[in-house]
Amino acid sequence: MESYIGENIKRLRRQKDITQETLAERMHVSAAAVSKWERGLSPFFFIRAKRRRNSWSSYS
């Protein structure tokens, strides 16, 4: 399941044409954390996502 979430994070980030660094900044995490999520090496916590769900909408 984690890799599926990571794949979606990566796909959406690329669709919005933003870097891992930019997404990390918007979500108040490190770029390394985003990289680990995308590669399925670290769990992506839904609580964190819920708090920061507006990060994606600002790139419309």
PDB file of N, CA and C in Angstrom:
ATOM      1  N   MET A   1       0.824  -1.201   0.000  1.00  0.00           N
ATOM      2  CA  MET A   1       0.000   0.000   0.000  1.00  0.00           C
ATOM      3  C   MET A   1       0.860   1.254   0.000  1.00  0.00           C
ATOM      4  N   GLU A   2       1.914   1.256   0.796  1.00  0.00           N
ATOM      5  CA  GLU A   2       2.763   2.447   0.893  1.00  0.00           C
ATOM      6  C   GLU A   2       3.353   2.847  -0.457  1.00  0.00           C
ATOM      7  N   SER A   3       3.785   1.864  -1.253  1.00  0.00           N
ATOM      8  CA  SER A   3       4.383   2.221  -2.537  1.00  0.00           C
ATOM      9  C   SER A   3       3.332   2.813  -3.470  1.00  0.00           C
ATOM     10  N   TYR A   4       2.076   2.340  -3.373  1.00  0.00           N
ATOM     11  CA  TYR A   4       1.000   2.906  -4.183  1.00  0.00           C
ATOM     12  C   TYR A   4       0.799   4.378  -3.817  1.00  0.00           C
ATOM     13  N   ILE A   5       0.820   4.682  -2.548  1.00  0.00           N
ATOM     14  CA  ILE A   5       0.690   6.072  -2.101  1.00  0.00           C
ATOM     15  C   ILE A   5       1.873   6.884  -2.615  1.00  0.00           C
ATOM     16  N   GLY A   6       3.062   6.331  -2.489  1.00  0.00           N
ATOM     17  CA  GLY A   6       4.254   7.013  -2.978  1.00  0.00           C
ATOM     18  C   GLY A   6       4.204   7.280  -4.463  1.00  0.00           C
ATOM     19  N   GLU A   7       3.710   6.300  -5.216  1.00  0.00           N
ATOM     20  CA  GLU A   7       3.571   6.469  -6.670  1.00  0.00           C
ATOM     21  C   GLU A   7       2.599   7.611  -6.980  1.00  0.00           C
ATOM     22  N   ASN A   8       1.521   7.690  -6.213  1.00  0.00           N
ATOM     23  CA  ASN A   8       0.547   8.761  -6.423  1.00  0.00           C
ATOM     24  C   ASN A   8       1.120  10.128  -6.061  1.00  0.00           C
ATOM     25  N   ILE A   9       1.876  10.191  -4.990  1.00  0.00           N
ATOM     26  CA  ILE A   9       2.509  11.458  -4.613  1.00  0.00           C
ATOM     27  C   ILE A   9       3.418  11.922  -5.753  1.00  0.00           C
ATOM     28  N   LYS A  10       4.221  11.015  -6.242  1.00  0.00           N
ATOM     29  CA  LYS A  10       5.152  11.348  -7.322  1.00  0.00           C
ATOM     30  C   LYS A  10       4.408  11.775  -8.590  1.00  0.00           C
ATOM     31  N   ARG A  11       3.373  11.023  -8.949  1.00  0.00           N
ATOM     32  CA  ARG A  11       2.600  11.333 -10.152  1.00  0.00           C
ATOM     33  C   ARG A  11       1.943  12.708 -10.047  1.00  0.00           C
ATOM     34  N   LEU A  12       1.316  12.983  -8.910  1.00  0.00           N
ATOM     35  CA  LEU A  12       0.654  14.277  -8.728  1.00  0.00           C
ATOM     36  C   LEU A  12       1.658  15.426  -8.700  1.00  0.00           C
ATOM     37  N   ARG A  13       2.792  15.189  -8.050  1.00  0.00           N
ATOM     38  CA  ARG A  13       3.825  16.227  -7.994  1.00  0.00           C
ATOM     39  C   ARG A  13       4.324  16.557  -9.398  1.00  0.00           C
ATOM     40  N   ARG A  14       4.530  15.541 -10.197  1.00  0.00           N
ATOM     41  CA  ARG A  14       5.000  15.763 -11.567  1.00  0.00           C
ATOM     42  C   ARG A  14       3.930  16.424 -12.434  1.00  0.00           C
ATOM     43  N   GLN A  15       2.667  16.048 -12.222  1.00  0.00           N
ATOM     44  CA  GLN A  15       1.574  16.688 -12.967  1.00  0.00           C
ATOM     45  C   GLN A  15       1.515  18.186 -12.676  1.00  0.00           C
ATOM     46  N   LYS A  16       1.795  18.535 -11.428  1.00  0.00           N
ATOM     47  CA  LYS A  16       1.782  19.941 -11.028  1.00  0.00           C
ATOM     48  C   LYS A  16       3.096  20.637 -11.378  1.00  0.00           C
ATOM     49  N   ASP A  17       4.057  19.857 -11.885  1.00  0.00           N
ATOM     50  CA  ASP A  17       5.363  20.378 -12.289  1.00  0.00           C
ATOM     51  C   ASP A  17       6.076  21.093 -11.145  1.00  0.00           C
ATOM     52  N   ILE A  18       6.135  20.396  -9.998  1.00  0.00           N
ATOM     53  CA  ILE A  18       6.862  20.948  -8.853  1.00  0.00           C
ATOM     54  C   ILE A  18       7.933  19.949  -8.416  1.00  0.00           C
ATOM     55  N   THR A  19       8.950  20.460  -7.785  1.00  0.00           N
ATOM     56  CA  THR A  19      10.055  19.620  -7.318  1.00  0.00           C
ATOM     57  C   THR A  19       9.731  19.022  -5.955  1.00  0.00           C
ATOM     58  N   GLN A  20      10.514  18.022  -5.587  1.00  0.00           N
ATOM     59  CA  GLN A  20      10.376  17.455  -4.245  1.00  0.00           C
ATOM     60  C   GLN A  20      10.654  18.524  -3.201  1.00  0.00           C
ATOM     61  N   GLU A  21      11.604  19.382  -3.481  1.00  0.00           N
ATOM     62  CA  GLU A  21      11.968  20.434  -2.535  1.00  0.00           C
ATOM     63  C   GLU A  21      10.803  21.409  -2.313  1.00  0.00           C
ATOM     64  N   THR A  22      10.128  21.763  -3.400  1.00  0.00           N
ATOM     65  CA  THR A  22       8.997  22.679  -3.286  1.00  0.00           C
ATOM     66  C   THR A  22       7.852  22.041  -2.512  1.00  0.00           C
ATOM     67  N   LEU A  23       7.550  20.788  -2.837  1.00  0.00           N
ATOM     68  CA  LEU A  23       6.490  20.092  -2.109  1.00  0.00           C
ATOM     69  C   LEU A  23       6.843  19.969  -0.637  1.00  0.00           C
ATOM     70  N   ALA A  24       8.093  19.630  -0.355  1.00  0.00           N
ATOM     71  CA  ALA A  24       8.538  19.496   1.029  1.00  0.00           C
ATOM     72  C   ALA A  24       8.368  20.807   1.788  1.00  0.00           C
ATOM     73  N   GLU A  25       8.733  21.889   1.147  1.00  0.00           N
ATOM     74  CA  GLU A  25       8.602  23.199   1.785  1.00  0.00           C
ATOM     75  C   GLU A  25       7.144  23.496   2.112  1.00  0.00           C
ATOM     76  N   ARG A  26       6.256  23.219   1.164  1.00  0.00           N
ATOM     77  CA  ARG A  26       4.826  23.475   1.358  1.00  0.00           C
ATOM     78  C   ARG A  26       4.225  22.605   2.456  1.00  0.00           C
ATOM     79  N   MET A  27       4.785  21.382   2.630  1.00  0.00           N
ATOM     80  CA  MET A  27       4.263  20.451   3.630  1.00  0.00           C
ATOM     81  C   MET A  27       5.025  20.513   4.950  1.00  0.00           C
ATOM     82  N   HIS A  28       6.020  21.395   5.001  1.00  0.00           N
ATOM     83  CA  HIS A  28       6.823  21.572   6.219  1.00  0.00           C
ATOM     84  C   HIS A  28       7.525  20.287   6.642  1.00  0.00           C
ATOM     85  N   VAL A  29       8.096  19.618   5.637  1.00  0.00           N
ATOM     86  CA  VAL A  29       8.921  18.426   5.871  1.00  0.00           C
ATOM     87  C   VAL A  29      10.190  18.587   5.046  1.00  0.00           C
ATOM     88  N   SER A  30      11.102  17.652   5.184  1.00  0.00           N
ATOM     89  CA  SER A  30      12.338  17.717   4.395  1.00  0.00           C
ATOM     90  C   SER A  30      12.122  17.112   3.008  1.00  0.00           C
ATOM     91  N   ALA A  31      12.958  17.521   2.072  1.00  0.00           N
ATOM     92  CA  ALA A  31      12.922  16.935   0.731  1.00  0.00           C
ATOM     93  C   ALA A  31      13.243  15.439   0.804  1.00  0.00           C
ATOM     94  N   ALA A  32      14.083  15.068   1.753  1.00  0.00           N
ATOM     95  CA  ALA A  32      14.415  13.648   1.936  1.00  0.00           C
ATOM     96  C   ALA A  32      13.168  12.850   2.325  1.00  0.00           C
ATOM     97  N   ALA A  33      12.281  13.450   3.123  1.00  0.00           N
ATOM     98  CA  ALA A  33      11.036  12.766   3.503  1.00  0.00           C
ATOM     99  C   ALA A  33      10.166  12.525   2.278  1.00  0.00           C
ATOM    100  N   VAL A  34      10.034  13.529   1.417  1.00  0.00           N
ATOM    101  CA  VAL A  34       9.244  13.371   0.197  1.00  0.00           C
ATOM    102  C   VAL A  34       9.849  12.269  -0.673  1.00  0.00           C
ATOM    103  N   SER A  35      11.141  12.275  -0.813  1.00  0.00           N
ATOM    104  CA  SER A  35      11.826  11.252  -1.593  1.00  0.00           C
ATOM    105  C   SER A  35      11.549   9.854  -1.036  1.00  0.00           C
ATOM    106  N   LYS A  36      11.618   9.730   0.277  1.00  0.00           N
ATOM    107  CA  LYS A  36      11.365   8.427   0.907  1.00  0.00           C
ATOM    108  C   LYS A  36       9.916   7.993   0.719  1.00  0.00           C
ATOM    109  N   TRP A  37       8.975   8.924   0.796  1.00  0.00           N
ATOM    110  CA  TRP A  37       7.569   8.574   0.552  1.00  0.00           C
ATOM    111  C   TRP A  37       7.412   8.044  -0.858  1.00  0.00           C
ATOM    112  N   GLU A  38       7.979   8.761  -1.818  1.00  0.00           N
ATOM    113  CA  GLU A  38       7.820   8.380  -3.214  1.00  0.00           C
ATOM    114  C   GLU A  38       8.442   7.018  -3.516  1.00  0.00           C
ATOM    115  N   ARG A  39       9.494   6.684  -2.822  1.00  0.00           N
ATOM    116  CA  ARG A  39      10.167   5.398  -3.038  1.00  0.00           C
ATOM    117  C   ARG A  39       9.621   4.301  -2.136  1.00  0.00           C
ATOM    118  N   GLY A  40       8.659   4.636  -1.280  1.00  0.00           N
ATOM    119  CA  GLY A  40       8.060   3.646  -0.393  1.00  0.00           C
ATOM    120  C   GLY A  40       8.955   3.239   0.760  1.00  0.00           C
ATOM    121  N   LEU A  41       9.936   4.071   1.095  1.00  0.00           N
ATOM    122  CA  LEU A  41      10.880   3.731   2.160  1.00  0.00           C
ATOM    123  C   LEU A  41      10.461   4.254   3.527  1.00  0.00           C
ATOM    124  N   SER A  42       9.477   5.127   3.546  1.00  0.00           N
ATOM    125  CA  SER A  42       9.011   5.709   4.805  1.00  0.00           C
ATOM    126  C   SER A  42       7.505   5.875   4.700  1.00  0.00           C
ATOM    127  N   PRO A  43       6.787   5.564   5.772  1.00  0.00           N
ATOM    128  CA  PRO A  43       5.331   5.678   5.692  1.00  0.00           C
ATOM    129  C   PRO A  43       4.870   7.125   5.569  1.00  0.00           C
ATOM    130  N   PHE A  44       3.852   7.314   4.768  1.00  0.00           N
ATOM    131  CA  PHE A  44       3.231   8.624   4.626  1.00  0.00           C
ATOM    132  C   PHE A  44       2.022   8.610   5.541  1.00  0.00           C
ATOM    133  N   PHE A  45       2.039   9.445   6.546  1.00  0.00           N
ATOM    134  CA  PHE A  45       0.977   9.437   7.538  1.00  0.00           C
ATOM    135  C   PHE A  45      -0.198  10.291   7.089  1.00  0.00           C
ATOM    136  N   PHE A  46      -1.384   9.695   7.121  1.00  0.00           N
ATOM    137  CA  PHE A  46      -2.570  10.381   6.644  1.00  0.00           C
ATOM    138  C   PHE A  46      -2.928  11.596   7.491  1.00  0.00           C
ATOM    139  N   ILE A  47      -2.586  11.579   8.756  1.00  0.00           N
ATOM    140  CA  ILE A  47      -2.839  12.749   9.599  1.00  0.00           C
ATOM    141  C   ILE A  47      -2.057  13.929   9.052  1.00  0.00           C
ATOM    142  N   ARG A  48      -0.824  13.703   8.689  1.00  0.00           N
ATOM    143  CA  ARG A  48       0.011  14.746   8.115  1.00  0.00           C
ATOM    144  C   ARG A  48      -0.615  15.243   6.811  1.00  0.00           C
ATOM    145  N   ALA A  49      -1.103  14.317   6.004  1.00  0.00           N
ATOM    146  CA  ALA A  49      -1.698  14.679   4.723  1.00  0.00           C
ATOM    147  C   ALA A  49      -2.956  15.508   4.920  1.00  0.00           C
ATOM    148  N   LYS A  50      -3.757  15.133   5.890  1.00  0.00           N
ATOM    149  CA  LYS A  50      -5.001  15.857   6.132  1.00  0.00           C
ATOM    150  C   LYS A  50      -4.716  17.297   6.539  1.00  0.00           C
ATOM    151  N   ARG A  51      -3.731  17.492   7.375  1.00  0.00           N
ATOM    152  CA  ARG A  51      -3.377  18.839   7.826  1.00  0.00           C
ATOM    153  C   ARG A  51      -2.844  19.689   6.683  1.00  0.00           C
ATOM    154  N   ARG A  52      -2.244  19.042   5.706  1.00  0.00           N
ATOM    155  CA  ARG A  52      -1.580  19.795   4.641  1.00  0.00           C
ATOM    156  C   ARG A  52      -2.201  19.575   3.269  1.00  0.00           C
ATOM    157  N   ARG A  53      -3.427  19.138   3.256  1.00  0.00           N
ATOM    158  CA  ARG A  53      -4.057  18.822   1.969  1.00  0.00           C
ATOM    159  C   ARG A  53      -4.173  20.033   1.060  1.00  0.00           C
ATOM    160  N   ASN A  54      -4.167  21.213   1.617  1.00  0.00           N
ATOM    161  CA  ASN A  54      -4.259  22.415   0.801  1.00  0.00           C
ATOM    162  C   ASN A  54      -2.966  22.705   0.042  1.00  0.00           C
ATOM    163  N   SER A  55      -1.903  21.998   0.336  1.00  0.00           N
ATOM    164  CA  SER A  55      -0.644  22.190  -0.380  1.00  0.00           C
ATOM    165  C   SER A  55      -0.814  21.962  -1.871  1.00  0.00           C
ATOM    166  N   TRP A  56      -1.619  20.969  -2.238  1.00  0.00           N
ATOM    167  CA  TRP A  56      -1.818  20.659  -3.646  1.00  0.00           C
ATOM    168  C   TRP A  56      -2.668  21.719  -4.322  1.00  0.00           C
ATOM    169  N   SER A  57      -3.681  22.206  -3.639  1.00  0.00           N
ATOM    170  CA  SER A  57      -4.617  23.138  -4.289  1.00  0.00           C
ATOM    171  C   SER A  57      -3.979  24.471  -4.646  1.00  0.00           C
ATOM    172  N   SER A  58      -2.927  24.843  -3.994  1.00  0.00           N
ATOM    173  CA  SER A  58      -2.288  26.110  -4.307  1.00  0.00           C
ATOM    174  C   SER A  58      -1.465  26.049  -5.588  1.00  0.00           C
ATOM    175  N   TYR A  59      -1.412  24.867  -6.233  1.00  0.00           N
ATOM    176  CA  TYR A  59      -0.674  24.723  -7.496  1.00  0.00           C
ATOM    177  C   TYR A  59      -1.620  24.520  -8.670  1.00  0.00           C
ATOM    178  N   SER A  60      -2.851  24.938  -8.545  1.00  0.00           N
ATOM    179  CA  SER A  60      -3.853  24.737  -9.612  1.00  0.00           C
ATOM    180  C   SER A  60      -3.480  25.452 -10.872  1.00  0.00           C
TER     181      SER A  60
END
